[in-house]
Amino acid sequence: MKYLVLTADYGDYSLRSEFEEDAQIRRLLCTELQVRLERWNESYQAVVHLPEADRASDRVAAQIRQLDTEGLALANAIATELRPAKVKYFSEGLLRHLQQVYVGAAPKGAG
């Protein structure tokens, strides 16, 4: 079982093991998922640099909701690809964990 945390971050997304050092996690992901993560993080950069007070405006709050919806979908895709895995999603816009996604082992006979 892998226990991971996903968050947008300055310059580069952060996908890390919750309990141990593992710099190789990204290499376990397919190229398509890595590209989706990089694009999502690039889009989040407009929010990452904002002071917390500025994040409350209607426009920015809507942008954060959209980015977090995408981030949760990415967390699910990561958990599915690396199953069995639990992926906590940290909203950089709201500055808190939103959800933990769990995907169990593949059914017997599935690759």
Protein backbone atom coordinates (compact mmCIF):
# COMPACT_ATOMS: atom_id res chain seq x y z
CA MET A 1 0.00 0.00 0.00
CA LYS A 2 1.30 3.43 -0.95
CA TYR A 3 0.35 6.46 1.18
CA LEU A 4 0.79 9.65 -0.85
CA VAL A 5 0.06 13.37 -0.66
CA LEU A 6 -0.67 15.51 -3.74
CA THR A 7 -0.55 19.30 -3.75
CA ALA A 8 0.22 22.12 -6.14
CA ASP A 9 3.43 23.88 -5.20
CA TYR A 10 5.74 26.70 -6.22
CA GLY A 11 7.13 25.84 -9.62
CA ASP A 12 6.45 22.09 -9.52
CA TYR A 13 3.69 19.87 -8.18
CA SER A 14 4.35 17.88 -5.07
CA LEU A 15 3.58 14.17 -5.02
CA ARG A 16 5.26 12.60 -2.05
CA SER A 17 5.03 9.64 0.24
CA GLU A 18 3.26 10.53 3.45
CA PHE A 19 5.56 8.48 5.68
CA GLU A 20 8.88 8.01 3.93
CA GLU A 21 11.30 9.59 1.51
CA ASP A 22 10.65 8.35 -2.01
CA ALA A 23 11.85 10.55 -4.85
CA GLN A 24 10.96 7.88 -7.38
CA ILE A 25 7.15 8.12 -7.13
CA ARG A 26 6.78 10.28 -10.23
CA ARG A 27 8.66 7.74 -12.30
CA LEU A 28 5.95 5.19 -11.50
CA LEU A 29 3.31 7.30 -13.26
CA CYS A 30 2.55 7.04 -16.96
CA THR A 31 3.69 9.94 -19.12
CA GLU A 32 0.12 11.11 -19.80
CA LEU A 33 -0.60 11.45 -16.07
CA GLN A 34 2.70 13.26 -15.48
CA VAL A 35 1.79 15.77 -18.22
CA ARG A 36 -1.70 16.30 -16.73
CA LEU A 37 -0.12 16.94 -13.31
CA GLU A 38 2.35 19.45 -14.75
CA ARG A 39 -0.41 21.35 -16.60
CA TRP A 40 -2.63 21.40 -13.50
CA ASN A 41 0.25 22.73 -11.39
CA GLU A 42 1.01 25.42 -13.99
CA SER A 43 -2.63 26.54 -13.84
CA TYR A 44 -2.47 26.63 -10.03
CA GLN A 45 0.50 29.01 -10.07
CA ALA A 46 -1.86 32.00 -10.40
CA VAL A 47 -3.22 31.09 -6.94
CA VAL A 48 -0.10 29.76 -5.18
CA HIS A 49 1.49 33.22 -5.04
CA LEU A 50 -1.60 35.06 -3.76
CA PRO A 51 -1.90 36.14 -0.14
CA GLU A 52 -4.60 34.24 1.75
CA ALA A 53 -6.92 37.28 1.88
CA ASP A 54 -6.90 37.62 -1.94
CA ARG A 55 -8.04 34.02 -2.34
CA ALA A 56 -11.49 34.88 -0.94
CA SER A 57 -12.61 36.98 -3.93
CA ASP A 58 -15.41 35.41 -5.98
CA ARG A 59 -13.23 35.12 -9.08
CA VAL A 60 -10.32 33.45 -7.29
CA ALA A 61 -12.61 31.23 -5.19
CA ALA A 62 -14.22 29.93 -8.41
CA GLN A 63 -10.77 29.31 -9.90
CA ILE A 64 -9.73 27.40 -6.76
CA ARG A 65 -12.88 25.23 -6.93
CA GLN A 66 -12.12 24.38 -10.55
CA LEU A 67 -8.47 23.59 -9.82
CA ASP A 68 -9.36 21.48 -6.79
CA THR A 69 -11.93 19.52 -8.78
CA GLU A 70 -9.19 18.73 -11.26
CA GLY A 71 -6.71 18.00 -8.45
CA LEU A 72 -9.09 15.50 -6.85
CA ALA A 73 -9.56 13.80 -10.23
CA LEU A 74 -5.77 13.60 -10.53
CA ALA A 75 -5.50 12.15 -7.01
CA ASN A 76 -8.01 9.49 -8.04
CA ALA A 77 -6.07 8.75 -11.24
CA ILE A 78 -2.83 8.41 -9.23
CA ALA A 79 -4.46 6.08 -6.70
CA THR A 80 -5.88 3.98 -9.53
CA GLU A 81 -2.58 3.78 -11.38
CA LEU A 82 -0.50 2.97 -8.30
CA ARG A 83 -3.05 0.76 -6.56
CA PRO A 84 -3.30 -0.19 -3.85
CA ALA A 85 -2.85 3.42 -2.78
CA LYS A 86 -4.26 6.18 -0.61
CA VAL A 87 -3.73 9.72 -1.89
CA LYS A 88 -4.46 12.73 0.32
CA TYR A 89 -5.24 15.87 -1.64
CA PHE A 90 -4.09 19.20 -0.18
CA SER A 91 -5.77 22.28 -1.63
CA GLU A 92 -3.12 24.95 -2.02
CA GLY A 93 -5.90 27.47 -2.63
CA LEU A 94 -7.78 26.67 0.59
CA LEU A 95 -4.63 25.70 2.50
CA ARG A 96 -6.12 22.46 3.87
CA HIS A 97 -6.59 18.79 3.06
CA LEU A 98 -9.83 18.18 1.18
CA GLN A 99 -10.10 14.46 0.71
CA GLN A 100 -8.31 11.16 0.78
CA VAL A 101 -8.77 8.88 -2.20
CA TYR A 102 -8.37 5.14 -1.69
CA VAL A 103 -8.13 2.58 -4.46
CA GLY A 104 -7.66 -1.04 -3.43
CA ALA A 105 -5.76 -3.77 -5.14
CA ALA A 106 -6.73 -4.74 -8.66
CA PRO A 107 -9.24 -7.60 -8.84
CA LYS A 108 -7.70 -11.03 -9.29
CA GLY A 109 -6.94 -11.66 -12.92
CA ALA A 110 -6.71 -7.93 -13.74
CA GLY A 111 -3.34 -6.60 -14.81
